[in-house]
């Protein structure tokens, strides 16, 4: 019980509220989730939302902008981590914005690269060779003894049927 004229601070209220409504086991579980959080297959925005949600359970692990930025960087995928390695952001929000911009650049680069890659039957592919045993039914070339393995291009056929085994 507090004295009648005592003004409760936000920190006192928060501590009392948590102690009454949120079990310590749950806070510990959420802290562990926060500490092991990574971007994985999420977008930066999805990762930032999960990060912000779990920050409330992180305590001293995320009580300053520098700690939040450091922890956020650790969880980013390697491509973004590499791109943001030399970037210094003053605030957590600034770091998230830069990460979103870089993610958009990576996505655009991949899309352009995919668009430029030739696909389909129009692209000419070199013939594939297969390794066959040089057997007696065909007359072996004079310089290759019978019974050796040689690389031979597949026989050309006029239809889509598989080649006849030799």
C-alpha atoms as a PDB file:
ATOM      1  CA  UNK A   1       0.000   0.000   0.000  1.00  0.00           C
ATOM      2  CA  UNK A   2       1.169   3.491  -0.825  1.00  0.00           C
ATOM      3  CA  UNK A   3       0.553   6.664   1.219  1.00  0.00           C
ATOM      4  CA  UNK A   4      -2.640   8.516   0.256  1.00  0.00           C
ATOM      5  CA  UNK A   5      -0.941  11.367  -1.595  1.00  0.00           C
ATOM      6  CA  UNK A   6       1.752   9.276  -3.300  1.00  0.00           C
ATOM      7  CA  UNK A   7       1.932   9.835  -7.046  1.00  0.00           C
ATOM      8  CA  UNK A   8       2.647   6.592  -8.878  1.00  0.00           C
ATOM      9  CA  UNK A   9       5.232   6.819 -11.620  1.00  0.00           C
ATOM     10  CA  UNK A  10       4.837   5.022 -14.914  1.00  0.00           C
ATOM     11  CA  UNK A  11       7.661   2.641 -14.021  1.00  0.00           C
ATOM     12  CA  UNK A  12       5.982   1.689 -10.718  1.00  0.00           C
ATOM     13  CA  UNK A  13       2.670   1.114 -12.473  1.00  0.00           C
ATOM     14  CA  UNK A  14       4.297  -0.913 -15.240  1.00  0.00           C
ATOM     15  CA  UNK A  15       6.186  -3.114 -12.770  1.00  0.00           C
ATOM     16  CA  UNK A  16       3.090  -3.732 -10.638  1.00  0.00           C
ATOM     17  CA  UNK A  17       0.913  -4.416 -13.687  1.00  0.00           C
ATOM     18  CA  UNK A  18       3.387  -6.901 -15.159  1.00  0.00           C
ATOM     19  CA  UNK A  19       3.898  -8.648 -11.835  1.00  0.00           C
ATOM     20  CA  UNK A  20       0.140  -9.110 -11.480  1.00  0.00           C
ATOM     21  CA  UNK A  21      -0.867  -9.944 -15.091  1.00  0.00           C
ATOM     22  CA  UNK A  22       2.185 -11.378 -16.865  1.00  0.00           C
ATOM     23  CA  UNK A  23       3.936 -14.437 -15.416  1.00  0.00           C
ATOM     24  CA  UNK A  24       7.733 -14.356 -15.180  1.00  0.00           C
ATOM     25  CA  UNK A  25       7.921 -17.512 -17.309  1.00  0.00           C
ATOM     26  CA  UNK A  26       6.183 -15.743 -20.178  1.00  0.00           C
ATOM     27  CA  UNK A  27       8.504 -12.739 -19.963  1.00  0.00           C
ATOM     28  CA  UNK A  28      11.508 -15.065 -20.019  1.00  0.00           C
ATOM     29  CA  UNK A  29      10.108 -16.940 -23.045  1.00  0.00           C
ATOM     30  CA  UNK A  30       9.547 -13.677 -24.940  1.00  0.00           C
ATOM     31  CA  UNK A  31      13.040 -12.474 -24.017  1.00  0.00           C
ATOM     32  CA  UNK A  32      14.501 -15.682 -25.459  1.00  0.00           C
ATOM     33  CA  UNK A  33      12.423 -15.183 -28.622  1.00  0.00           C
ATOM     34  CA  UNK A  34      13.804 -11.655 -28.888  1.00  0.00           C
ATOM     35  CA  UNK A  35      17.409 -12.759 -28.428  1.00  0.00           C
ATOM     36  CA  UNK A  36      17.106 -15.484 -31.073  1.00  0.00           C
ATOM     37  CA  UNK A  37      15.026 -13.460 -33.539  1.00  0.00           C
ATOM     38  CA  UNK A  38      16.342 -13.370 -37.123  1.00  0.00           C
ATOM     39  CA  UNK A  39      14.911 -12.088 -40.378  1.00  0.00           C
ATOM     40  CA  UNK A  40      14.819 -15.517 -42.007  1.00  0.00           C
ATOM     41  CA  UNK A  41      12.426 -15.436 -44.975  1.00  0.00           C
ATOM     42  CA  UNK A  42      10.576 -12.348 -43.723  1.00  0.00           C
ATOM     43  CA  UNK A  43      10.769  -8.971 -45.381  1.00  0.00           C
ATOM     44  CA  UNK A  44      12.561  -6.224 -43.464  1.00  0.00           C
ATOM     45  CA  UNK A  45       9.206  -4.695 -42.577  1.00  0.00           C
ATOM     46  CA  UNK A  46       7.878  -7.989 -41.176  1.00  0.00           C
ATOM     47  CA  UNK A  47      11.137  -8.529 -39.273  1.00  0.00           C
ATOM     48  CA  UNK A  48      10.993  -4.967 -37.841  1.00  0.00           C
ATOM     49  CA  UNK A  49       7.410  -5.499 -36.682  1.00  0.00           C
ATOM     50  CA  UNK A  50       8.304  -8.746 -34.892  1.00  0.00           C
ATOM     51  CA  UNK A  51      11.400  -7.040 -33.452  1.00  0.00           C
ATOM     52  CA  UNK A  52       9.374  -4.082 -32.124  1.00  0.00           C
ATOM     53  CA  UNK A  53       6.768  -6.395 -30.614  1.00  0.00           C
ATOM     54  CA  UNK A  54       9.387  -8.429 -28.731  1.00  0.00           C
ATOM     55  CA  UNK A  55      11.374  -5.335 -27.676  1.00  0.00           C
ATOM     56  CA  UNK A  56       8.957  -4.730 -24.820  1.00  0.00           C
ATOM     57  CA  UNK A  57      10.234  -7.924 -23.180  1.00  0.00           C
ATOM     58  CA  UNK A  58      13.922  -7.280 -23.892  1.00  0.00           C
ATOM     59  CA  UNK A  59      14.693  -5.078 -20.893  1.00  0.00           C
ATOM     60  CA  UNK A  60      18.294  -3.879 -20.840  1.00  0.00           C
ATOM     61  CA  UNK A  61      19.052  -5.748 -24.115  1.00  0.00           C
ATOM     62  CA  UNK A  62      17.234  -3.012 -26.039  1.00  0.00           C
ATOM     63  CA  UNK A  63      16.997  -0.021 -23.705  1.00  0.00           C
ATOM     64  CA  UNK A  64      19.037   2.329 -25.950  1.00  0.00           C
ATOM     65  CA  UNK A  65      18.979   3.153 -29.650  1.00  0.00           C
ATOM     66  CA  UNK A  66      22.487   1.741 -30.057  1.00  0.00           C
ATOM     67  CA  UNK A  67      21.530  -1.605 -28.491  1.00  0.00           C
ATOM     68  CA  UNK A  68      18.371  -1.835 -30.597  1.00  0.00           C
ATOM     69  CA  UNK A  69      20.314  -1.082 -33.781  1.00  0.00           C
ATOM     70  CA  UNK A  70      23.009  -3.617 -32.930  1.00  0.00           C
ATOM     71  CA  UNK A  71      20.494  -6.365 -32.126  1.00  0.00           C
ATOM     72  CA  UNK A  72      18.444  -5.568 -35.266  1.00  0.00           C
ATOM     73  CA  UNK A  73      21.560  -5.763 -37.489  1.00  0.00           C
ATOM     74  CA  UNK A  74      22.516  -9.135 -35.996  1.00  0.00           C
ATOM     75  CA  UNK A  75      19.219 -10.640 -37.099  1.00  0.00           C
ATOM     76  CA  UNK A  76      19.262  -9.379 -40.692  1.00  0.00           C
ATOM     77  CA  UNK A  77      19.985 -11.783 -43.522  1.00  0.00           C
ATOM     78  CA  UNK A  78      23.622 -11.888 -44.646  1.00  0.00           C
ATOM     79  CA  UNK A  79      23.078  -9.889 -47.860  1.00  0.00           C
ATOM     80  CA  UNK A  80      21.547  -6.962 -45.964  1.00  0.00           C
ATOM     81  CA  UNK A  81      24.048  -7.284 -43.126  1.00  0.00           C
ATOM     82  CA  UNK A  82      26.847  -6.943 -45.678  1.00  0.00           C
ATOM     83  CA  UNK A  83      25.243  -3.899 -47.323  1.00  0.00           C
ATOM     84  CA  UNK A  84      24.572  -2.164 -43.999  1.00  0.00           C
ATOM     85  CA  UNK A  85      27.943  -3.012 -42.472  1.00  0.00           C
ATOM     86  CA  UNK A  86      29.441   0.435 -43.038  1.00  0.00           C
ATOM     87  CA  UNK A  87      26.183   2.388 -42.665  1.00  0.00           C
ATOM     88  CA  UNK A  88      25.831   4.324 -39.424  1.00  0.00           C
ATOM     89  CA  UNK A  89      22.289   5.243 -38.471  1.00  0.00           C
ATOM     90  CA  UNK A  90      21.544   7.671 -35.649  1.00  0.00           C
ATOM     91  CA  UNK A  91      18.236   6.035 -34.735  1.00  0.00           C
ATOM     92  CA  UNK A  92      16.612   2.639 -34.956  1.00  0.00           C
ATOM     93  CA  UNK A  93      13.924   3.982 -37.317  1.00  0.00           C
ATOM     94  CA  UNK A  94      16.594   5.364 -39.630  1.00  0.00           C
ATOM     95  CA  UNK A  95      18.302   1.948 -39.723  1.00  0.00           C
ATOM     96  CA  UNK A  96      15.009   0.208 -40.549  1.00  0.00           C
ATOM     97  CA  UNK A  97      14.336   2.704 -43.361  1.00  0.00           C
ATOM     98  CA  UNK A  98      17.799   2.154 -44.836  1.00  0.00           C
ATOM     99  CA  UNK A  99      17.349  -1.631 -44.600  1.00  0.00           C
ATOM    100  CA  UNK A 100      13.994  -1.421 -46.417  1.00  0.00           C
ATOM    101  CA  UNK A 101      15.571   0.683 -49.177  1.00  0.00           C
ATOM    102  CA  UNK A 102      18.465  -1.757 -49.570  1.00  0.00           C
ATOM    103  CA  UNK A 103      16.062  -4.707 -49.643  1.00  0.00           C
ATOM    104  CA  UNK A 104      14.147  -2.996 -52.466  1.00  0.00           C
ATOM    105  CA  UNK A 105      17.420  -2.528 -54.383  1.00  0.00           C
ATOM    106  CA  UNK A 106      18.311  -6.207 -53.960  1.00  0.00           C
ATOM    107  CA  UNK A 107      14.840  -7.284 -55.103  1.00  0.00           C
ATOM    108  CA  UNK A 108      14.994  -5.025 -58.159  1.00  0.00           C
ATOM    109  CA  UNK A 109      18.466  -6.335 -59.043  1.00  0.00           C
ATOM    110  CA  UNK A 110      17.300  -9.947 -58.822  1.00  0.00           C
ATOM    111  CA  UNK A 111      14.235  -9.211 -60.957  1.00  0.00           C
ATOM    112  CA  UNK A 112      16.363  -7.525 -63.628  1.00  0.00           C
ATOM    113  CA  UNK A 113      18.882 -10.365 -63.593  1.00  0.00           C
ATOM    114  CA  UNK A 114      16.083 -12.916 -63.927  1.00  0.00           C
ATOM    115  CA  UNK A 115      14.529 -10.950 -66.785  1.00  0.00           C
ATOM    116  CA  UNK A 116      17.822 -10.916 -68.705  1.00  0.00           C
ATOM    117  CA  UNK A 117      18.489 -14.653 -68.254  1.00  0.00           C
ATOM    118  CA  UNK A 118      17.566 -16.540 -71.443  1.00  0.00           C
ATOM    119  CA  UNK A 119      15.000 -19.274 -70.927  1.00  0.00           C
ATOM    120  CA  UNK A 120      12.949 -21.698 -72.957  1.00  0.00           C
ATOM    121  CA  UNK A 121      13.655 -23.597 -76.172  1.00  0.00           C
ATOM    122  CA  UNK A 122      14.825 -20.496 -78.049  1.00  0.00           C
ATOM    123  CA  UNK A 123      18.181 -20.564 -76.322  1.00  0.00           C
ATOM    124  CA  UNK A 124      20.737 -22.760 -78.000  1.00  0.00           C
ATOM    125  CA  UNK A 125      22.325 -25.271 -75.689  1.00  0.00           C
ATOM    126  CA  UNK A 126      25.480 -27.210 -76.486  1.00  0.00           C
ATOM    127  CA  UNK A 127      25.011 -30.933 -77.113  1.00  0.00           C
ATOM    128  CA  UNK A 128      25.319 -33.092 -74.031  1.00  0.00           C
ATOM    129  CA  UNK A 129      27.788 -35.890 -74.208  1.00  0.00           C
ATOM    130  CA  UNK A 130      27.329 -39.268 -72.633  1.00  0.00           C
ATOM    131  CA  UNK A 131      29.893 -41.777 -71.523  1.00  0.00           C
ATOM    132  CA  UNK A 132      29.496 -45.137 -73.259  1.00  0.00           C
ATOM    133  CA  UNK A 133      31.513 -48.289 -73.318  1.00  0.00           C
ATOM    134  CA  UNK A 134      33.229 -48.746 -76.610  1.00  0.00           C
ATOM    135  CA  UNK A 135      31.682 -52.074 -77.560  1.00  0.00           C
ATOM    136  CA  UNK A 136      32.367 -54.463 -80.454  1.00  0.00           C
ATOM    137  CA  UNK A 137      29.150 -54.025 -82.572  1.00  0.00           C
ATOM    138  CA  UNK A 138      30.516 -50.812 -84.066  1.00  0.00           C
ATOM    139  CA  UNK A 139      33.888 -50.783 -85.600  1.00  0.00           C
ATOM    140  CA  UNK A 140      36.065 -48.961 -83.089  1.00  0.00           C
ATOM    141  CA  UNK A 141      38.296 -46.187 -84.344  1.00  0.00           C
ATOM    142  CA  UNK A 142      41.722 -47.523 -85.138  1.00  0.00           C
ATOM    143  CA  UNK A 143      43.479 -45.568 -82.416  1.00  0.00           C
ATOM    144  CA  UNK A 144      41.117 -46.690 -79.582  1.00  0.00           C
ATOM    145  CA  UNK A 145      41.282 -50.239 -78.340  1.00  0.00           C
ATOM    146  CA  UNK A 146      38.007 -52.095 -77.791  1.00  0.00           C
ATOM    147  CA  UNK A 147      36.515 -52.134 -74.274  1.00  0.00           C
ATOM    148  CA  UNK A 148      37.497 -48.565 -73.284  1.00  0.00           C
ATOM    149  CA  UNK A 149      35.120 -45.796 -72.191  1.00  0.00           C
ATOM    150  CA  UNK A 150      34.718 -42.859 -74.557  1.00  0.00           C
ATOM    151  CA  UNK A 151      32.651 -39.666 -74.664  1.00  0.00           C
ATOM    152  CA  UNK A 152      30.174 -39.708 -77.527  1.00  0.00           C
ATOM    153  CA  UNK A 153      27.508 -37.159 -78.488  1.00  0.00           C
ATOM    154  CA  UNK A 154      23.975 -38.509 -78.416  1.00  0.00           C
ATOM    155  CA  UNK A 155      22.662 -39.822 -81.732  1.00  0.00           C
ATOM    156  CA  UNK A 156      20.623 -37.323 -83.709  1.00  0.00           C
ATOM    157  CA  UNK A 157      17.013 -38.384 -84.155  1.00  0.00           C
ATOM    158  CA  UNK A 158      14.308 -36.761 -86.222  1.00  0.00           C
ATOM    159  CA  UNK A 159      11.612 -37.245 -83.606  1.00  0.00           C
ATOM    160  CA  UNK A 160      11.277 -36.777 -79.888  1.00  0.00           C
ATOM    161  CA  UNK A 161      11.748 -40.498 -79.213  1.00  0.00           C
ATOM    162  CA  UNK A 162      14.552 -41.467 -76.873  1.00  0.00           C
ATOM    163  CA  UNK A 163      17.657 -42.802 -78.611  1.00  0.00           C
ATOM    164  CA  UNK A 164      17.940 -46.524 -79.095  1.00  0.00           C
ATOM    165  CA  UNK A 165      20.383 -48.091 -76.590  1.00  0.00           C
ATOM    166  CA  UNK A 166      23.669 -49.158 -78.159  1.00  0.00           C
END
